[in-house]
Amino acid sequence: MAQKLWVRGRVFLSYELRALTGLHIGGSAGGIAIGGLDNPVIRDPLTNRPYVPGSSLKGKMRSLLEKHYGKEPNWRIARTFIHVCEKGEEYRKCEVCQVFGVPAELDYGNTPTRLL
């Protein structure tokens, strides 16, 4: 029988984000009409204010930790490369993969730590 994992708690982070250089978190144009935007900014549908999606923050945090721990990018996801431990024994010792996980096709069993 498979072991069930339960959420044991949550950690909420609050911070102020200030762009010191050019910043663009864009969405998909879906088709460019005459006079349309070819690279739209992601906006909150209720307030129309621009925002940075959690997935973008998670990706940036992962890449910074990979650099900090000297992990070489070795797995292509879309247009970027990330570090992924390809063996279970490497995974159990890797700070990055323990927190951010690995692609679904690499199954190391139930692993409780995840950043969502």
N, C-alpha and C. Protein backbone atom coordinates (compact mmCIF):
# COMPACT_ATOMS: atom_id res chain seq x y z
N MET A 1 0.85 -1.19 0.00
CA MET A 1 0.00 0.00 0.00
C MET A 1 0.89 1.25 0.00
N ALA A 2 0.55 2.21 -0.81
CA ALA A 2 1.33 3.44 -0.91
C ALA A 2 1.17 4.28 0.36
N GLN A 3 2.28 4.87 0.76
CA GLN A 3 2.27 5.74 1.93
C GLN A 3 1.62 7.07 1.56
N LYS A 4 0.74 7.56 2.42
CA LYS A 4 0.09 8.85 2.18
C LYS A 4 0.88 9.95 2.86
N LEU A 5 0.97 11.07 2.19
CA LEU A 5 1.65 12.23 2.75
C LEU A 5 0.61 13.30 3.06
N TRP A 6 0.81 13.99 4.14
CA TRP A 6 -0.11 15.03 4.57
C TRP A 6 0.64 16.34 4.70
N VAL A 7 -0.06 17.43 4.44
CA VAL A 7 0.52 18.76 4.65
C VAL A 7 0.62 18.98 6.15
N ARG A 8 1.81 19.26 6.62
CA ARG A 8 2.01 19.46 8.06
C ARG A 8 2.00 20.92 8.45
N GLY A 9 2.11 21.78 7.51
CA GLY A 9 2.11 23.19 7.84
C GLY A 9 2.40 24.03 6.60
N ARG A 10 2.33 25.30 6.79
CA ARG A 10 2.58 26.25 5.70
C ARG A 10 3.49 27.34 6.21
N VAL A 11 4.26 27.88 5.30
CA VAL A 11 5.10 29.03 5.59
C VAL A 11 4.71 30.11 4.59
N PHE A 12 4.34 31.26 5.07
CA PHE A 12 3.98 32.38 4.20
C PHE A 12 5.12 33.39 4.22
N LEU A 13 5.51 33.84 3.04
CA LEU A 13 6.56 34.83 2.91
C LEU A 13 5.95 36.13 2.41
N SER A 14 6.27 37.22 3.07
CA SER A 14 5.83 38.54 2.62
C SER A 14 7.08 39.37 2.34
N TYR A 15 7.05 40.12 1.28
CA TYR A 15 8.22 40.90 0.92
C TYR A 15 7.80 42.01 -0.03
N GLU A 16 8.70 42.93 -0.22
CA GLU A 16 8.51 43.99 -1.20
C GLU A 16 9.45 43.72 -2.35
N LEU A 17 8.94 43.75 -3.55
CA LEU A 17 9.73 43.51 -4.75
C LEU A 17 9.97 44.84 -5.44
N ARG A 18 11.24 45.15 -5.66
CA ARG A 18 11.59 46.40 -6.31
C ARG A 18 12.49 46.09 -7.51
N ALA A 19 12.10 46.49 -8.68
CA ALA A 19 12.89 46.25 -9.89
C ALA A 19 13.97 47.32 -9.99
N LEU A 20 15.22 46.89 -9.94
CA LEU A 20 16.34 47.82 -10.06
C LEU A 20 16.82 47.93 -11.50
N THR A 21 16.42 46.99 -12.33
CA THR A 21 16.72 47.02 -13.76
C THR A 21 15.42 46.70 -14.49
N GLY A 22 15.48 46.65 -15.78
CA GLY A 22 14.28 46.33 -16.55
C GLY A 22 13.71 44.98 -16.16
N LEU A 23 12.40 44.89 -16.05
CA LEU A 23 11.73 43.66 -15.66
C LEU A 23 10.53 43.46 -16.57
N HIS A 24 10.41 42.26 -17.12
CA HIS A 24 9.24 41.95 -17.92
C HIS A 24 8.82 40.52 -17.64
N ILE A 25 7.65 40.35 -17.08
CA ILE A 25 7.03 39.04 -16.92
C ILE A 25 5.85 39.06 -17.87
N GLY A 26 6.00 38.39 -19.00
CA GLY A 26 5.00 38.50 -20.05
C GLY A 26 4.10 37.30 -20.17
N GLY A 27 2.99 37.53 -20.80
CA GLY A 27 2.04 36.47 -21.09
C GLY A 27 2.06 36.14 -22.57
N SER A 28 1.11 35.35 -22.98
CA SER A 28 1.00 34.95 -24.37
C SER A 28 0.03 35.88 -25.10
N ALA A 29 0.45 36.33 -26.25
CA ALA A 29 -0.42 37.21 -27.04
C ALA A 29 -1.59 36.44 -27.63
N GLY A 30 -1.40 35.16 -27.90
CA GLY A 30 -2.47 34.33 -28.43
C GLY A 30 -2.84 34.65 -29.86
N GLY A 31 -2.29 35.62 -30.42
CA GLY A 31 -2.60 36.05 -31.79
C GLY A 31 -2.48 37.56 -31.82
N ILE A 32 -1.84 38.07 -32.81
CA ILE A 32 -1.60 39.50 -32.86
C ILE A 32 -2.54 40.14 -33.87
N ALA A 33 -3.40 40.99 -33.38
CA ALA A 33 -4.31 41.73 -34.25
C ALA A 33 -3.64 43.05 -34.62
N ILE A 34 -4.21 43.75 -35.57
CA ILE A 34 -3.69 45.05 -35.94
C ILE A 34 -3.79 45.96 -34.72
N GLY A 35 -2.66 46.55 -34.37
CA GLY A 35 -2.61 47.44 -33.20
C GLY A 35 -2.53 46.69 -31.89
N GLY A 36 -2.45 45.36 -31.92
CA GLY A 36 -2.37 44.56 -30.70
C GLY A 36 -0.95 44.50 -30.15
N LEU A 37 -0.83 44.00 -28.94
CA LEU A 37 0.47 43.85 -28.30
C LEU A 37 1.06 42.50 -28.65
N ASP A 38 2.36 42.48 -28.93
CA ASP A 38 3.00 41.20 -29.23
C ASP A 38 3.64 40.58 -27.99
N ASN A 39 3.71 41.31 -26.89
CA ASN A 39 4.34 40.80 -25.68
C ASN A 39 3.65 41.41 -24.46
N PRO A 40 2.42 41.01 -24.15
CA PRO A 40 1.66 41.66 -23.08
C PRO A 40 2.22 41.37 -21.69
N VAL A 41 1.96 42.28 -20.78
CA VAL A 41 2.34 42.12 -19.37
C VAL A 41 1.23 41.37 -18.66
N ILE A 42 1.59 40.47 -17.76
CA ILE A 42 0.59 39.72 -17.00
C ILE A 42 -0.04 40.66 -15.97
N ARG A 43 -1.37 40.70 -15.95
CA ARG A 43 -2.09 41.59 -15.04
C ARG A 43 -3.15 40.82 -14.26
N ASP A 44 -3.43 41.31 -13.05
CA ASP A 44 -4.49 40.75 -12.23
C ASP A 44 -5.82 41.08 -12.91
N PRO A 45 -6.67 40.08 -13.16
CA PRO A 45 -7.92 40.36 -13.87
C PRO A 45 -8.90 41.24 -13.08
N LEU A 46 -8.78 41.28 -11.76
CA LEU A 46 -9.70 42.09 -10.95
C LEU A 46 -9.25 43.54 -10.82
N THR A 47 -7.94 43.74 -10.64
CA THR A 47 -7.44 45.10 -10.41
C THR A 47 -6.72 45.70 -11.61
N ASN A 48 -6.39 44.86 -12.58
CA ASN A 48 -5.63 45.26 -13.77
C ASN A 48 -4.21 45.71 -13.43
N ARG A 49 -3.75 45.40 -12.22
CA ARG A 49 -2.38 45.73 -11.83
C ARG A 49 -1.44 44.62 -12.29
N PRO A 50 -0.24 44.98 -12.77
CA PRO A 50 0.72 43.94 -13.15
C PRO A 50 1.16 43.16 -11.91
N TYR A 51 1.47 41.88 -12.10
CA TYR A 51 1.96 41.08 -10.98
C TYR A 51 2.95 40.03 -11.48
N VAL A 52 3.73 39.50 -10.57
CA VAL A 52 4.70 38.45 -10.86
C VAL A 52 4.10 37.14 -10.38
N PRO A 53 3.87 36.18 -11.28
CA PRO A 53 3.29 34.90 -10.87
C PRO A 53 4.22 34.12 -9.94
N GLY A 54 3.62 33.34 -9.07
CA GLY A 54 4.40 32.52 -8.14
C GLY A 54 5.36 31.59 -8.86
N SER A 55 4.97 31.08 -10.02
CA SER A 55 5.85 30.17 -10.76
C SER A 55 7.13 30.87 -11.21
N SER A 56 7.05 32.16 -11.51
CA SER A 56 8.25 32.91 -11.89
C SER A 56 9.17 33.09 -10.69
N LEU A 57 8.59 33.38 -9.53
CA LEU A 57 9.40 33.52 -8.31
C LEU A 57 10.04 32.19 -7.95
N LYS A 58 9.27 31.11 -8.05
CA LYS A 58 9.79 29.78 -7.72
C LYS A 58 10.95 29.42 -8.65
N GLY A 59 10.81 29.70 -9.93
CA GLY A 59 11.88 29.41 -10.88
C GLY A 59 13.14 30.20 -10.60
N LYS A 60 12.97 31.47 -10.25
CA LYS A 60 14.14 32.30 -9.94
C LYS A 60 14.81 31.82 -8.67
N MET A 61 14.03 31.48 -7.65
CA MET A 61 14.60 30.98 -6.40
C MET A 61 15.36 29.68 -6.66
N ARG A 62 14.80 28.80 -7.48
CA ARG A 62 15.47 27.54 -7.79
C ARG A 62 16.81 27.80 -8.49
N SER A 63 16.80 28.68 -9.50
CA SER A 63 18.04 28.93 -10.24
C SER A 63 19.12 29.56 -9.35
N LEU A 64 18.72 30.43 -8.43
CA LEU A 64 19.70 31.03 -7.51
C LEU A 64 20.27 29.98 -6.56
N LEU A 65 19.44 29.06 -6.06
CA LEU A 65 19.94 27.99 -5.19
C LEU A 65 20.84 27.03 -5.96
N GLU A 66 20.50 26.74 -7.21
CA GLU A 66 21.36 25.89 -8.03
C GLU A 66 22.75 26.51 -8.16
N LYS A 67 22.82 27.82 -8.41
CA LYS A 67 24.11 28.51 -8.50
C LYS A 67 24.83 28.47 -7.16
N HIS A 68 24.11 28.75 -6.08
CA HIS A 68 24.71 28.78 -4.74
C HIS A 68 25.36 27.44 -4.38
N TYR A 69 24.69 26.35 -4.68
CA TYR A 69 25.20 25.02 -4.34
C TYR A 69 26.05 24.41 -5.46
N GLY A 70 26.27 25.13 -6.54
CA GLY A 70 27.12 24.64 -7.63
C GLY A 70 26.52 23.48 -8.41
N LYS A 71 25.21 23.47 -8.55
CA LYS A 71 24.53 22.39 -9.28
C LYS A 71 24.48 22.74 -10.77
N GLU A 72 24.96 21.84 -11.60
CA GLU A 72 24.97 22.06 -13.04
C GLU A 72 23.59 21.78 -13.65
N PRO A 73 23.07 22.69 -14.47
CA PRO A 73 21.81 22.42 -15.17
C PRO A 73 21.98 21.24 -16.13
N ASN A 74 21.11 20.25 -16.04
CA ASN A 74 21.26 19.05 -16.87
C ASN A 74 19.93 18.53 -17.42
N TRP A 75 18.84 19.27 -17.21
CA TRP A 75 17.51 18.79 -17.63
C TRP A 75 16.78 19.93 -18.31
N ARG A 76 16.35 19.70 -19.54
CA ARG A 76 15.66 20.76 -20.28
C ARG A 76 14.17 20.74 -19.98
N ILE A 77 13.64 21.90 -19.62
CA ILE A 77 12.21 22.09 -19.44
C ILE A 77 11.84 23.33 -20.26
N ALA A 78 11.05 23.12 -21.27
CA ALA A 78 10.66 24.19 -22.21
C ALA A 78 11.92 24.83 -22.80
N ARG A 79 12.14 26.11 -22.54
CA ARG A 79 13.28 26.81 -23.14
C ARG A 79 14.42 27.02 -22.16
N THR A 80 14.40 26.33 -21.04
CA THR A 80 15.44 26.53 -20.04
C THR A 80 15.97 25.19 -19.54
N PHE A 81 17.08 25.24 -18.84
CA PHE A 81 17.66 24.04 -18.24
C PHE A 81 17.69 24.22 -16.73
N ILE A 82 17.41 23.13 -16.01
CA ILE A 82 17.49 23.13 -14.55
C ILE A 82 18.34 21.95 -14.11
N HIS A 83 18.76 21.98 -12.86
CA HIS A 83 19.48 20.83 -12.29
C HIS A 83 18.45 19.82 -11.80
N VAL A 84 18.66 18.56 -12.14
CA VAL A 84 17.81 17.47 -11.66
C VAL A 84 18.70 16.29 -11.30
N CYS A 85 18.52 15.76 -10.11
CA CYS A 85 19.24 14.55 -9.71
C CYS A 85 18.61 13.37 -10.43
N GLU A 86 19.40 12.65 -11.19
CA GLU A 86 18.85 11.56 -12.00
C GLU A 86 18.90 10.21 -11.30
N LYS A 87 19.46 10.17 -10.09
CA LYS A 87 19.50 8.92 -9.32
C LYS A 87 18.96 9.21 -7.92
N GLY A 88 18.27 8.21 -7.36
CA GLY A 88 17.65 8.38 -6.05
C GLY A 88 18.63 8.74 -4.95
N GLU A 89 19.83 8.14 -4.96
CA GLU A 89 20.80 8.44 -3.90
C GLU A 89 21.32 9.87 -3.99
N GLU A 90 21.44 10.42 -5.21
CA GLU A 90 21.81 11.83 -5.38
C GLU A 90 20.69 12.72 -4.86
N TYR A 91 19.47 12.35 -5.18
CA TYR A 91 18.29 13.13 -4.80
C TYR A 91 18.21 13.31 -3.28
N ARG A 92 18.47 12.25 -2.54
CA ARG A 92 18.34 12.31 -1.08
C ARG A 92 19.36 13.24 -0.44
N LYS A 93 20.43 13.59 -1.17
CA LYS A 93 21.46 14.48 -0.63
C LYS A 93 21.38 15.90 -1.22
N CYS A 94 20.47 16.12 -2.14
CA CYS A 94 20.43 17.39 -2.88
C CYS A 94 19.43 18.37 -2.26
N GLU A 95 19.95 19.51 -1.83
CA GLU A 95 19.10 20.54 -1.22
C GLU A 95 18.09 21.10 -2.21
N VAL A 96 18.50 21.29 -3.45
CA VAL A 96 17.62 21.89 -4.46
C VAL A 96 16.47 20.96 -4.82
N CYS A 97 16.79 19.71 -5.16
CA CYS A 97 15.74 18.76 -5.58
C CYS A 97 14.81 18.41 -4.42
N GLN A 98 15.32 18.40 -3.19
CA GLN A 98 14.47 18.11 -2.04
C GLN A 98 13.40 19.18 -1.86
N VAL A 99 13.75 20.42 -2.12
CA VAL A 99 12.80 21.52 -1.92
C VAL A 99 11.90 21.73 -3.14
N PHE A 100 12.48 21.70 -4.34
CA PHE A 100 11.73 22.05 -5.54
C PHE A 100 11.22 20.85 -6.31
N GLY A 101 11.69 19.66 -5.99
CA GLY A 101 11.22 18.46 -6.65
C GLY A 101 11.94 18.16 -7.95
N VAL A 102 11.51 17.08 -8.59
CA VAL A 102 12.08 16.63 -9.86
C VAL A 102 10.92 16.40 -10.83
N PRO A 103 11.20 16.31 -12.12
CA PRO A 103 10.13 16.03 -13.08
C PRO A 103 9.39 14.74 -12.74
N ALA A 104 8.13 14.68 -13.10
CA ALA A 104 7.26 13.55 -12.75
C ALA A 104 7.78 12.22 -13.27
N GLU A 105 8.48 12.23 -14.40
CA GLU A 105 8.96 10.95 -14.94
C GLU A 105 10.07 10.32 -14.10
N LEU A 106 10.66 11.08 -13.17
CA LEU A 106 11.64 10.53 -12.24
C LEU A 106 10.93 10.31 -10.91
N ASP A 107 10.63 9.09 -10.59
CA ASP A 107 9.86 8.78 -9.39
C ASP A 107 10.79 8.23 -8.31
N TYR A 108 10.98 8.99 -7.24
CA TYR A 108 11.81 8.55 -6.12
C TYR A 108 10.95 8.20 -4.92
N GLY A 109 9.70 7.87 -5.15
CA GLY A 109 8.80 7.52 -4.06
C GLY A 109 8.22 8.77 -3.42
N ASN A 110 7.60 8.59 -2.28
CA ASN A 110 7.01 9.72 -1.56
C ASN A 110 8.10 10.58 -0.98
N THR A 111 8.08 11.82 -1.34
CA THR A 111 9.07 12.77 -0.85
C THR A 111 8.34 13.98 -0.29
N PRO A 112 8.41 14.20 1.00
CA PRO A 112 7.53 15.17 1.66
C PRO A 112 7.80 16.64 1.41
N THR A 113 9.02 17.05 1.16
CA THR A 113 9.30 18.47 1.07
C THR A 113 9.04 18.99 -0.33
N ARG A 114 8.22 20.04 -0.44
CA ARG A 114 7.93 20.66 -1.73
C ARG A 114 7.64 22.13 -1.51
N LEU A 115 8.09 22.91 -2.46
CA LEU A 115 7.73 24.32 -2.48
C LEU A 115 6.65 24.47 -3.53
N LEU A 116 5.46 24.90 -3.13
CA LEU A 116 4.33 25.02 -4.05
C LEU A 116 4.06 26.46 -4.40
